[in-house]
C-alpha atoms as a PDB file:
ATOM      1  CA  UNK A   1       0.426   0.023   0.227  1.00  0.00           C
ATOM      2  CA  UNK A   2       1.385   3.451  -0.457  1.00  0.00           C
ATOM      3  CA  UNK A   3       0.641   4.394   2.336  1.00  0.00           C
ATOM      4  CA  UNK A   4       1.172   1.853   4.874  1.00  0.00           C
ATOM      5  CA  UNK A   5       5.639   2.106   5.927  1.00  0.00           C
ATOM      6  CA  UNK A   6       7.546  -0.629   5.289  1.00  0.00           C
ATOM      7  CA  UNK A   7       6.500  -2.254   9.307  1.00  0.00           C
ATOM      8  CA  UNK A   8       2.853  -2.640   7.792  1.00  0.00           C
ATOM      9  CA  UNK A   9       1.190   0.262   9.603  1.00  0.00           C
ATOM     10  CA  UNK A  10       0.092   3.946   9.461  1.00  0.00           C
ATOM     11  CA  UNK A  11      -0.860   7.359  11.414  1.00  0.00           C
ATOM     12  CA  UNK A  12      -3.470   8.791   8.625  1.00  0.00           C
ATOM     13  CA  UNK A  13      -5.104  12.484   9.982  1.00  0.00           C
ATOM     14  CA  UNK A  14      -8.953  12.038   8.628  1.00  0.00           C
ATOM     15  CA  UNK A  15     -10.239  15.532   7.877  1.00  0.00           C
ATOM     16  CA  UNK A  16     -13.145  14.640   5.431  1.00  0.00           C
ATOM     17  CA  UNK A  17     -15.642  15.788   8.394  1.00  0.00           C
ATOM     18  CA  UNK A  18     -16.580  18.852   6.774  1.00  0.00           C
ATOM     19  CA  UNK A  19     -18.167  16.929   4.550  1.00  0.00           C
ATOM     20  CA  UNK A  20     -20.988  16.596   6.424  1.00  0.00           C
ATOM     21  CA  UNK A  21     -20.814  18.626   9.781  1.00  0.00           C
ATOM     22  CA  UNK A  22     -20.243  21.642   7.389  1.00  0.00           C
ATOM     23  CA  UNK A  23     -18.269  24.009  10.311  1.00  0.00           C
ATOM     24  CA  UNK A  24     -16.644  21.866  12.637  1.00  0.00           C
ATOM     25  CA  UNK A  25     -14.193  22.947  15.273  1.00  0.00           C
ATOM     26  CA  UNK A  26     -10.091  22.512  13.975  1.00  0.00           C
ATOM     27  CA  UNK A  27     -10.858  22.405  10.144  1.00  0.00           C
ATOM     28  CA  UNK A  28     -11.578  25.892  10.003  1.00  0.00           C
ATOM     29  CA  UNK A  29      -8.035  26.028   7.090  1.00  0.00           C
ATOM     30  CA  UNK A  30      -7.463  23.333   6.577  1.00  0.00           C
ATOM     31  CA  UNK A  31      -3.803  24.235   5.698  1.00  0.00           C
ATOM     32  CA  UNK A  32      -3.087  24.261   9.036  1.00  0.00           C
ATOM     33  CA  UNK A  33      -3.095  20.948   9.810  1.00  0.00           C
ATOM     34  CA  UNK A  34      -2.317  20.137   6.571  1.00  0.00           C
ATOM     35  CA  UNK A  35       0.823  21.605   7.309  1.00  0.00           C
ATOM     36  CA  UNK A  36       1.102  20.469  10.725  1.00  0.00           C
ATOM     37  CA  UNK A  37       0.888  16.165   9.752  1.00  0.00           C
ATOM     38  CA  UNK A  38       3.385  17.159   7.099  1.00  0.00           C
ATOM     39  CA  UNK A  39       5.476  18.905   9.758  1.00  0.00           C
ATOM     40  CA  UNK A  40       5.001  15.749  12.576  1.00  0.00           C
ATOM     41  CA  UNK A  41       5.178  13.193   9.524  1.00  0.00           C
ATOM     42  CA  UNK A  42       2.145  11.305   9.305  1.00  0.00           C
ATOM     43  CA  UNK A  43       1.962   8.877   6.891  1.00  0.00           C
ATOM     44  CA  UNK A  44      -1.493  10.125   5.057  1.00  0.00           C
ATOM     45  CA  UNK A  45      -3.860  12.203   5.400  1.00  0.00           C
ATOM     46  CA  UNK A  46      -7.338  11.341   3.876  1.00  0.00           C
ATOM     47  CA  UNK A  47      -9.783  14.088   3.102  1.00  0.00           C
ATOM     48  CA  UNK A  48     -12.304  15.498   0.112  1.00  0.00           C
ATOM     49  CA  UNK A  49     -12.497  16.600  -2.700  1.00  0.00           C
ATOM     50  CA  UNK A  50     -12.762  20.601  -2.055  1.00  0.00           C
ATOM     51  CA  UNK A  51      -9.858  20.442  -0.331  1.00  0.00           C
ATOM     52  CA  UNK A  52      -7.379  18.286  -2.234  1.00  0.00           C
ATOM     53  CA  UNK A  53      -8.790  20.628  -5.333  1.00  0.00           C
ATOM     54  CA  UNK A  54      -7.936  23.945  -3.790  1.00  0.00           C
ATOM     55  CA  UNK A  55      -4.500  22.544  -1.562  1.00  0.00           C
ATOM     56  CA  UNK A  56      -3.448  20.271  -4.326  1.00  0.00           C
ATOM     57  CA  UNK A  57       0.181  21.993  -3.804  1.00  0.00           C
ATOM     58  CA  UNK A  58      -0.207  21.622  -0.224  1.00  0.00           C
ATOM     59  CA  UNK A  59      -0.393  17.659   0.218  1.00  0.00           C
ATOM     60  CA  UNK A  60       0.575  16.432  -3.781  1.00  0.00           C
ATOM     61  CA  UNK A  61       4.092  15.362  -3.132  1.00  0.00           C
ATOM     62  CA  UNK A  62       4.863  16.124   0.523  1.00  0.00           C
ATOM     63  CA  UNK A  63       2.606  13.520   2.339  1.00  0.00           C
ATOM     64  CA  UNK A  64       0.163  10.729   0.944  1.00  0.00           C
ATOM     65  CA  UNK A  65      -3.477  11.024   0.363  1.00  0.00           C
ATOM     66  CA  UNK A  66      -6.739   9.442   0.102  1.00  0.00           C
ATOM     67  CA  UNK A  67      -9.996  11.387  -1.463  1.00  0.00           C
ATOM     68  CA  UNK A  68     -13.564  10.309  -0.322  1.00  0.00           C
ATOM     69  CA  UNK A  69     -15.350   9.822  -3.233  1.00  0.00           C
ATOM     70  CA  UNK A  70     -18.309   8.599  -1.902  1.00  0.00           C
ATOM     71  CA  UNK A  71     -21.305  10.970   0.549  1.00  0.00           C
ATOM     72  CA  UNK A  72     -24.592  11.675   2.043  1.00  0.00           C
ATOM     73  CA  UNK A  73     -26.723  14.625   3.427  1.00  0.00           C
ATOM     74  CA  UNK A  74     -25.189  16.715   5.510  1.00  0.00           C
ATOM     75  CA  UNK A  75     -26.253  16.513   9.699  1.00  0.00           C
ATOM     76  CA  UNK A  76     -28.852  18.942   9.067  1.00  0.00           C
ATOM     77  CA  UNK A  77     -30.455  16.320   6.904  1.00  0.00           C
ATOM     78  CA  UNK A  78     -30.108  12.449   8.466  1.00  0.00           C
ATOM     79  CA  UNK A  79     -28.422  10.798  11.043  1.00  0.00           C
ATOM     80  CA  UNK A  80     -24.575   9.706  11.485  1.00  0.00           C
ATOM     81  CA  UNK A  81     -25.259   5.722  11.271  1.00  0.00           C
ATOM     82  CA  UNK A  82     -28.639   6.487  10.299  1.00  0.00           C
ATOM     83  CA  UNK A  83     -28.800   6.748   6.534  1.00  0.00           C
ATOM     84  CA  UNK A  84     -31.144   6.604   3.642  1.00  0.00           C
ATOM     85  CA  UNK A  85     -29.270   8.114   1.686  1.00  0.00           C
ATOM     86  CA  UNK A  86     -25.996   7.679  -0.633  1.00  0.00           C
ATOM     87  CA  UNK A  87     -24.291   7.809  -3.001  1.00  0.00           C
ATOM     88  CA  UNK A  88     -21.081   7.842  -4.867  1.00  0.00           C
ATOM     89  CA  UNK A  89     -20.068  11.704  -5.490  1.00  0.00           C
ATOM     90  CA  UNK A  90     -16.593  11.482  -7.671  1.00  0.00           C
ATOM     91  CA  UNK A  91     -15.003   9.559  -9.697  1.00  0.00           C
ATOM     92  CA  UNK A  92     -11.358   7.565  -9.243  1.00  0.00           C
ATOM     93  CA  UNK A  93     -10.404   9.750 -12.657  1.00  0.00           C
ATOM     94  CA  UNK A  94     -11.386  12.347 -10.596  1.00  0.00           C
ATOM     95  CA  UNK A  95      -8.871  10.701  -7.957  1.00  0.00           C
ATOM     96  CA  UNK A  96      -6.066  10.388 -10.171  1.00  0.00           C
ATOM     97  CA  UNK A  97      -6.609  13.538 -11.980  1.00  0.00           C
ATOM     98  CA  UNK A  98      -6.089  15.190  -8.328  1.00  0.00           C
ATOM     99  CA  UNK A  99      -3.044  13.256  -7.959  1.00  0.00           C
ATOM    100  CA  UNK A 100      -4.412  11.242  -4.878  1.00  0.00           C
ATOM    101  CA  UNK A 101      -2.693   7.979  -3.485  1.00  0.00           C
ATOM    102  CA  UNK A 102      -6.142   6.457  -2.220  1.00  0.00           C
ATOM    103  CA  UNK A 103      -9.708   5.757  -1.839  1.00  0.00           C
ATOM    104  CA  UNK A 104     -11.910   6.121   0.891  1.00  0.00           C
ATOM    105  CA  UNK A 105     -15.400   4.594   0.664  1.00  0.00           C
ATOM    106  CA  UNK A 106     -18.034   3.833   3.301  1.00  0.00           C
ATOM    107  CA  UNK A 107     -19.911   0.000   4.204  1.00  0.00           C
ATOM    108  CA  UNK A 108     -23.107   0.662   5.756  1.00  0.00           C
ATOM    109  CA  UNK A 109     -24.657  -2.276   7.707  1.00  0.00           C
ATOM    110  CA  UNK A 110     -28.359  -2.828   8.712  1.00  0.00           C
ATOM    111  CA  UNK A 111     -29.189   0.354   7.954  1.00  0.00           C
ATOM    112  CA  UNK A 112     -30.957   0.621   4.209  1.00  0.00           C
ATOM    113  CA  UNK A 113     -28.346   1.622   2.599  1.00  0.00           C
ATOM    114  CA  UNK A 114     -26.544  -1.024   3.086  1.00  0.00           C
ATOM    115  CA  UNK A 115     -26.811  -2.731  -0.580  1.00  0.00           C
ATOM    116  CA  UNK A 116     -26.882   0.689  -2.345  1.00  0.00           C
ATOM    117  CA  UNK A 117     -22.879   1.274  -0.270  1.00  0.00           C
ATOM    118  CA  UNK A 118     -21.877  -2.439  -1.831  1.00  0.00           C
ATOM    119  CA  UNK A 119     -22.585  -1.580  -5.055  1.00  0.00           C
ATOM    120  CA  UNK A 120     -20.681   1.211  -4.808  1.00  0.00           C
ATOM    121  CA  UNK A 121     -17.828  -0.772  -3.251  1.00  0.00           C
ATOM    122  CA  UNK A 122     -17.835  -3.490  -6.254  1.00  0.00           C
ATOM    123  CA  UNK A 123     -17.885  -0.969  -8.791  1.00  0.00           C
ATOM    124  CA  UNK A 124     -14.603   1.429  -7.532  1.00  0.00           C
ATOM    125  CA  UNK A 125     -12.604  -1.876  -6.759  1.00  0.00           C
ATOM    126  CA  UNK A 126     -13.301  -2.967  -9.603  1.00  0.00           C
ATOM    127  CA  UNK A 127     -12.182   1.076 -11.362  1.00  0.00           C
ATOM    128  CA  UNK A 128      -9.352   1.051  -8.426  1.00  0.00           C
ATOM    129  CA  UNK A 129      -7.831  -2.494  -9.652  1.00  0.00           C
ATOM    130  CA  UNK A 130      -7.196  -0.995 -13.454  1.00  0.00           C
ATOM    131  CA  UNK A 131      -5.720   1.950 -12.051  1.00  0.00           C
ATOM    132  CA  UNK A 132      -3.284   0.733  -9.233  1.00  0.00           C
ATOM    133  CA  UNK A 133      -5.289   2.407  -6.605  1.00  0.00           C
ATOM    134  CA  UNK A 134      -5.673   0.885  -3.592  1.00  0.00           C
ATOM    135  CA  UNK A 135      -8.992   0.931  -1.631  1.00  0.00           C
ATOM    136  CA  UNK A 136      -9.755   1.615   2.095  1.00  0.00           C
ATOM    137  CA  UNK A 137     -12.949   1.145   3.003  1.00  0.00           C
ATOM    138  CA  UNK A 138     -14.767   1.709   6.100  1.00  0.00           C
ATOM    139  CA  UNK A 139     -16.275  -0.935   7.153  1.00  0.00           C
ATOM    140  CA  UNK A 140     -19.590   0.824  10.079  1.00  0.00           C
ATOM    141  CA  UNK A 141     -22.571  -1.855  12.173  1.00  0.00           C
ATOM    142  CA  UNK A 142     -25.004   0.938  12.177  1.00  0.00           C
ATOM    143  CA  UNK A 143     -27.978   0.636  15.282  1.00  0.00           C
ATOM    144  CA  UNK A 144     -30.885  -0.730  13.830  1.00  0.00           C
ATOM    145  CA  UNK A 145     -33.181  -4.396  14.758  1.00  0.00           C
ATOM    146  CA  UNK A 146     -30.671  -6.606  14.102  1.00  0.00           C
ATOM    147  CA  UNK A 147     -27.592  -4.424  15.720  1.00  0.00           C
ATOM    148  CA  UNK A 148     -27.913  -3.685  19.115  1.00  0.00           C
ATOM    149  CA  UNK A 149     -24.847  -3.418  19.345  1.00  0.00           C
ATOM    150  CA  UNK A 150     -22.774  -1.389  16.873  1.00  0.00           C
ATOM    151  CA  UNK A 151     -19.364  -1.807  19.121  1.00  0.00           C
ATOM    152  CA  UNK A 152     -19.339  -5.571  19.665  1.00  0.00           C
ATOM    153  CA  UNK A 153     -16.904  -8.072  18.783  1.00  0.00           C
ATOM    154  CA  UNK A 154     -19.007  -9.969  15.938  1.00  0.00           C
ATOM    155  CA  UNK A 155     -20.625  -7.566  14.471  1.00  0.00           C
ATOM    156  CA  UNK A 156     -17.485  -5.567  13.536  1.00  0.00           C
ATOM    157  CA  UNK A 157     -15.871  -8.035  11.906  1.00  0.00           C
ATOM    158  CA  UNK A 158     -18.832  -8.860  10.380  1.00  0.00           C
ATOM    159  CA  UNK A 159     -19.025  -5.853   8.558  1.00  0.00           C
ATOM    160  CA  UNK A 160     -14.564  -5.657   8.806  1.00  0.00           C
ATOM    161  CA  UNK A 161     -15.284  -9.362   6.352  1.00  0.00           C
ATOM    162  CA  UNK A 162     -18.021  -7.387   4.587  1.00  0.00           C
ATOM    163  CA  UNK A 163     -15.446  -4.673   2.874  1.00  0.00           C
ATOM    164  CA  UNK A 164     -12.915  -7.785   2.749  1.00  0.00           C
ATOM    165  CA  UNK A 165     -15.060  -9.894   0.271  1.00  0.00           C
ATOM    166  CA  UNK A 166     -16.554  -7.293  -1.830  1.00  0.00           C
ATOM    167  CA  UNK A 167     -13.231  -5.707  -2.837  1.00  0.00           C
ATOM    168  CA  UNK A 168     -11.539  -3.238  -0.109  1.00  0.00           C
ATOM    169  CA  UNK A 169      -7.835  -3.363   0.194  1.00  0.00           C
ATOM    170  CA  UNK A 170      -7.814  -1.915   3.879  1.00  0.00           C
ATOM    171  CA  UNK A 171     -10.188  -1.284   5.775  1.00  0.00           C
ATOM    172  CA  UNK A 172     -10.931   1.727   9.097  1.00  0.00           C
ATOM    173  CA  UNK A 173     -13.364  -0.050  11.450  1.00  0.00           C
ATOM    174  CA  UNK A 174     -13.871   1.203  14.970  1.00  0.00           C
ATOM    175  CA  UNK A 175     -12.156  -0.344  18.959  1.00  0.00           C
ATOM    176  CA  UNK A 176     -14.338  -2.848  19.835  1.00  0.00           C
ATOM    177  CA  UNK A 177     -13.059  -1.543  23.364  1.00  0.00           C
ATOM    178  CA  UNK A 178     -10.510  -4.920  23.906  1.00  0.00           C
ATOM    179  CA  UNK A 179      -7.848  -6.140  22.862  1.00  0.00           C
ATOM    180  CA  UNK A 180      -9.007  -9.417  22.897  1.00  0.00           C
ATOM    181  CA  UNK A 181     -11.652  -8.555  21.399  1.00  0.00           C
ATOM    182  CA  UNK A 182     -10.910  -6.821  18.860  1.00  0.00           C
ATOM    183  CA  UNK A 183      -8.392  -9.469  18.221  1.00  0.00           C
ATOM    184  CA  UNK A 184     -11.876 -11.178  16.707  1.00  0.00           C
ATOM    185  CA  UNK A 185     -12.244  -8.132  13.812  1.00  0.00           C
ATOM    186  CA  UNK A 186      -8.321  -8.264  12.575  1.00  0.00           C
ATOM    187  CA  UNK A 187      -8.484 -12.631  12.135  1.00  0.00           C
ATOM    188  CA  UNK A 188     -11.648 -12.441  10.261  1.00  0.00           C
ATOM    189  CA  UNK A 189     -10.245  -9.711   8.287  1.00  0.00           C
ATOM    190  CA  UNK A 190      -7.104 -10.547   6.423  1.00  0.00           C
ATOM    191  CA  UNK A 191      -6.490  -7.658   4.708  1.00  0.00           C
ATOM    192  CA  UNK A 192      -4.854  -4.576   7.712  1.00  0.00           C
ATOM    193  CA  UNK A 193      -7.936  -2.953   9.437  1.00  0.00           C
ATOM    194  CA  UNK A 194      -7.225   0.843  10.723  1.00  0.00           C
ATOM    195  CA  UNK A 195      -9.052   2.523  13.967  1.00  0.00           C
ATOM    196  CA  UNK A 196     -11.137   5.705  13.680  1.00  0.00           C
ATOM    197  CA  UNK A 197     -11.144   7.914  15.912  1.00  0.00           C
ATOM    198  CA  UNK A 198     -14.806   9.357  15.909  1.00  0.00           C
ATOM    199  CA  UNK A 199     -15.866  12.090  18.486  1.00  0.00           C
ATOM    200  CA  UNK A 200     -12.384  13.386  20.637  1.00  0.00           C
ATOM    201  CA  UNK A 201     -12.566  11.754  23.448  1.00  0.00           C
ATOM    202  CA  UNK A 202     -12.287  13.365  27.272  1.00  0.00           C
ATOM    203  CA  UNK A 203      -8.540  12.302  27.512  1.00  0.00           C
ATOM    204  CA  UNK A 204      -5.454  12.122  26.447  1.00  0.00           C
ATOM    205  CA  UNK A 205      -4.934   8.741  28.141  1.00  0.00           C
ATOM    206  CA  UNK A 206      -7.708   7.186  27.005  1.00  0.00           C
ATOM    207  CA  UNK A 207      -6.990   8.542  23.099  1.00  0.00           C
ATOM    208  CA  UNK A 208      -3.618   6.201  23.616  1.00  0.00           C
ATOM    209  CA  UNK A 209      -5.173   3.540  25.419  1.00  0.00           C
ATOM    210  CA  UNK A 210      -7.476   3.554  22.517  1.00  0.00           C
ATOM    211  CA  UNK A 211      -4.467   3.000  19.977  1.00  0.00           C
ATOM    212  CA  UNK A 212      -2.793   1.279  22.063  1.00  0.00           C
ATOM    213  CA  UNK A 213      -5.253  -1.413  23.124  1.00  0.00           C
ATOM    214  CA  UNK A 214      -6.195  -2.187  19.477  1.00  0.00           C
ATOM    215  CA  UNK A 215      -2.366  -2.192  18.164  1.00  0.00           C
ATOM    216  CA  UNK A 216      -2.709  -5.278  20.259  1.00  0.00           C
ATOM    217  CA  UNK A 217      -5.202  -6.380  18.819  1.00  0.00           C
ATOM    218  CA  UNK A 218      -3.791  -6.468  15.485  1.00  0.00           C
ATOM    219  CA  UNK A 219      -5.064  -3.518  14.032  1.00  0.00           C
ATOM    220  CA  UNK A 220      -2.083  -1.548  10.955  1.00  0.00           C
ATOM    221  CA  UNK A 221      -2.584   1.768  12.859  1.00  0.00           C
ATOM    222  CA  UNK A 222      -5.247   4.409  12.727  1.00  0.00           C
ATOM    223  CA  UNK A 223      -7.053   6.482  11.018  1.00  0.00           C
ATOM    224  CA  UNK A 224      -7.951   9.804  13.122  1.00  0.00           C
ATOM    225  CA  UNK A 225      -9.628  13.559  12.934  1.00  0.00           C
ATOM    226  CA  UNK A 226     -10.673  15.495  15.798  1.00  0.00           C
ATOM    227  CA  UNK A 227      -9.097  13.095  18.744  1.00  0.00           C
ATOM    228  CA  UNK A 228      -5.835  14.639  16.583  1.00  0.00           C
ATOM    229  CA  UNK A 229      -6.513  18.717  15.030  1.00  0.00           C
ATOM    230  CA  UNK A 230      -8.862  19.466  18.518  1.00  0.00           C
ATOM    231  CA  UNK A 231      -6.527  18.480  20.368  1.00  0.00           C
ATOM    232  CA  UNK A 232      -4.375  21.946  21.041  1.00  0.00           C
ATOM    233  CA  UNK A 233      -1.543  20.175  20.149  1.00  0.00           C
ATOM    234  CA  UNK A 234      -2.005  18.656  17.277  1.00  0.00           C
ATOM    235  CA  UNK A 235       1.884  17.797  16.495  1.00  0.00           C
ATOM    236  CA  UNK A 236       2.102  16.642  19.583  1.00  0.00           C
ATOM    237  CA  UNK A 237      -0.213  14.478  19.096  1.00  0.00           C
ATOM    238  CA  UNK A 238       0.827  12.113  15.807  1.00  0.00           C
ATOM    239  CA  UNK A 239       3.704  12.670  17.258  1.00  0.00           C
ATOM    240  CA  UNK A 240       2.814  10.788  19.952  1.00  0.00           C
ATOM    241  CA  UNK A 241       0.863   8.403  18.842  1.00  0.00           C
ATOM    242  CA  UNK A 242       3.041   7.134  16.199  1.00  0.00           C
ATOM    243  CA  UNK A 243       5.412   5.844  19.458  1.00  0.00           C
ATOM    244  CA  UNK A 244       2.468   3.744  19.498  1.00  0.00           C
ATOM    245  CA  UNK A 245       1.294   2.733  16.087  1.00  0.00           C
ATOM    246  CA  UNK A 246       5.519   2.309  14.392  1.00  0.00           C
ATOM    247  CA  UNK A 247       7.816   1.892  17.815  1.00  0.00           C
ATOM    248  CA  UNK A 248       5.571  -0.810  19.937  1.00  0.00           C
ATOM    249  CA  UNK A 249       4.847   1.498  22.757  1.00  0.00           C
ATOM    250  CA  UNK A 250       3.535   2.114  25.835  1.00  0.00           C
ATOM    251  CA  UNK A 251       1.092   4.335  27.099  1.00  0.00           C
ATOM    252  CA  UNK A 252       3.270   6.735  29.336  1.00  0.00           C
ATOM    253  CA  UNK A 253       6.077   6.260  25.935  1.00  0.00           C
ATOM    254  CA  UNK A 254       3.709   8.758  23.967  1.00  0.00           C
ATOM    255  CA  UNK A 255       2.067  10.600  27.024  1.00  0.00           C
ATOM    256  CA  UNK A 256       6.190  11.211  27.678  1.00  0.00           C
ATOM    257  CA  UNK A 257       6.507  12.229  24.050  1.00  0.00           C
ATOM    258  CA  UNK A 258       3.673  14.753  24.061  1.00  0.00           C
ATOM    259  CA  UNK A 259       5.470  16.121  27.132  1.00  0.00           C
END
C-alpha cells in the first residue's frame, strides 16, 4: 500500500468531517492541519475532493493523500449511521487527476443504504484495480433491529469481513473496547484494519489507551481526526501516536513524547 510504512502500519490524519458537518472546530483552515500533518510525520491524510482540489500543492508530493469518493446528506438532514440516502459523488478518474494515492468509501451495515454501499464499493474496487489505486473501506455496523450493539466484536468483525469480500484493500473500523475482542475483527479480516477515532475522547490518556489496545489486538494503525486536530497540539499528538503505532511504545511512552 502506498501509505503503509515498511512495518505495515500507518497513522492517517482524517480531514473529511466538514463534508457532513459543514463547520467544525479544528478544520476552519485545512491548510494549517495539512502543514502540521506533514511537519509531524503523519503517514497520510484522508480528505475530500474540495480540500485536495484547493490545497493540492500542499498535499500532493508532500504526503500520501486518500480521497473520499462517496457521501450522503449533511447532518442538517440525517444523522450519522442512520442514512436513507448515500451515493458515489466522485470518480477514480477524479482521484487520478488530482494525484491522490488512494481512495476511501463507506460500507454501512444494517440500514437501508447497505446494498447501495455494496454496489459502490464493488464498482470502485474494480476501477481501482485497473488504476492500481488502493481502496480503503470504512465498514461500520449501524444501530438497527439486527444490530443492537454496533461496537460488539462480532458485528464489527462481520462488517470488516464484508468490506474485504466486496473488494477493499484496507478496512477502517471502530475499536471494540479491548484487545481480545478486537482480535476477533483482525483475525477474520485478511487485509489491514485501521481504527477510526470517532468523537474527541475525554482525555489524551484515553486516546492513547484506545490506540495501544487496538495495536495489541492486531490493528495496522489509526485514521484519526478530531482526536488529533481538536487536541490543541496537532503536531504533538501525531508524534506521540507514532510512538505507539510504529515504535511499539506504551501509553506512558506516548504521554512522555507529548510532554
